[in-house]
Amino acid sequence: KDLAAYIETFHPREAYGWSELTGLIDGPWKYIRAPKPELYDLSRDPGEETNLAEARPDVLKEEYRRLDALLADKAALKQQLK
């Protein structure tokens, strides 16, 4: 199985005072944690034109959980390196 890829950008926060964006690319799914969550099936929608967050709450919940776990691991590793 392919590994999920963590994605982030702080540009919206630094340039406009908006929220930063984080997310995962996990198999066919691209999840973006934003004030309005975004979920795309990249295998069917490589141009990210159809946000499936409302249509696929099951996938959204799982990707949200996976991102939380990844961020918790990242925070734990950061503490260990201090």
Protein backbone atom coordinates (compact mmCIF):
# COMPACT_ATOMS: atom_id res chain seq x y z
CA LYS A 1 0.00 0.00 0.00
CA ASP A 2 1.19 3.49 -0.81
CA LEU A 3 1.88 5.81 2.09
CA ALA A 4 -0.27 8.87 2.67
CA ALA A 5 1.36 12.22 1.94
CA TYR A 6 0.96 15.13 4.36
CA ILE A 7 0.33 18.52 2.76
CA GLU A 8 0.34 21.99 4.29
CA THR A 9 0.52 25.64 3.37
CA PHE A 10 0.81 28.63 5.66
CA HIS A 11 0.55 31.15 2.82
CA PRO A 12 -3.13 32.00 3.47
CA ARG A 13 -2.35 32.74 7.12
CA GLU A 14 0.80 34.73 6.48
CA ALA A 15 -0.44 36.68 3.46
CA TYR A 16 -4.09 37.26 4.34
CA GLY A 17 -4.59 36.42 8.02
CA TRP A 18 -6.74 33.41 7.09
CA SER A 19 -6.35 29.86 8.35
CA GLU A 20 -3.44 27.71 7.27
CA LEU A 21 -4.37 24.60 5.29
CA THR A 22 -3.30 21.05 6.09
CA GLY A 23 -4.33 17.77 4.58
CA LEU A 24 -3.56 14.32 3.26
CA ILE A 25 -3.29 12.64 -0.07
CA ASP A 26 -4.25 9.08 0.77
CA GLY A 27 -4.77 6.62 -2.07
CA PRO A 28 -7.31 8.21 -4.40
CA TRP A 29 -8.41 10.72 -1.76
CA LYS A 30 -7.19 14.25 -1.20
CA TYR A 31 -8.45 15.75 2.05
CA ILE A 32 -7.88 19.41 2.88
CA ARG A 33 -8.59 20.59 6.41
CA ALA A 34 -9.85 24.11 6.00
CA PRO A 35 -12.66 26.18 7.52
CA LYS A 36 -14.80 24.39 4.91
CA PRO A 37 -13.35 20.85 4.50
CA GLU A 38 -12.54 19.63 1.03
CA LEU A 39 -12.43 16.03 -0.19
CA TYR A 40 -11.59 14.95 -3.72
CA ASP A 41 -11.38 11.57 -5.43
CA LEU A 42 -8.27 12.16 -7.51
CA SER A 43 -8.77 8.94 -9.50
CA ARG A 44 -12.04 10.31 -10.91
CA ASP A 45 -11.50 14.04 -10.50
CA PRO A 46 -7.81 14.90 -10.96
CA GLY A 47 -8.70 18.57 -11.48
CA GLU A 48 -10.32 18.74 -8.02
CA GLU A 49 -13.54 20.20 -9.36
CA THR A 50 -16.07 18.32 -7.19
CA ASN A 51 -15.78 18.62 -3.42
CA LEU A 52 -17.14 15.34 -1.99
CA ALA A 53 -16.97 16.35 1.69
CA GLU A 54 -20.76 16.37 2.11
CA ALA A 55 -21.43 13.41 -0.20
CA ARG A 56 -18.84 11.11 1.47
CA PRO A 57 -18.94 11.82 5.23
CA ASP A 58 -17.55 8.32 5.89
CA VAL A 59 -14.35 9.06 3.96
CA LEU A 60 -14.16 12.59 5.35
CA LYS A 61 -14.32 11.28 8.93
CA GLU A 62 -11.62 8.68 8.28
CA GLU A 63 -9.26 11.15 6.60
CA TYR A 64 -9.86 13.64 9.44
CA ARG A 65 -8.94 10.89 11.94
CA ARG A 66 -5.84 9.89 9.98
CA LEU A 67 -4.63 13.49 9.77
CA ASP A 68 -5.16 13.95 13.53
CA ALA A 69 -3.11 10.80 14.21
CA LEU A 70 -0.34 11.98 11.91
CA LEU A 71 -0.23 15.42 13.55
CA ALA A 72 -0.16 13.83 17.03
CA ASP A 73 2.79 11.66 15.96
CA LYS A 74 4.52 14.74 14.57
CA ALA A 75 4.03 16.61 17.87
CA ALA A 76 5.31 13.63 19.87
CA LEU A 77 8.41 13.34 17.67
CA LYS A 78 9.06 17.06 18.04
CA GLN A 79 8.94 16.71 21.84
CA GLN A 80 11.40 13.79 21.72
CA LEU A 81 13.87 15.83 19.68
CA LYS A 82 14.00 18.67 22.23
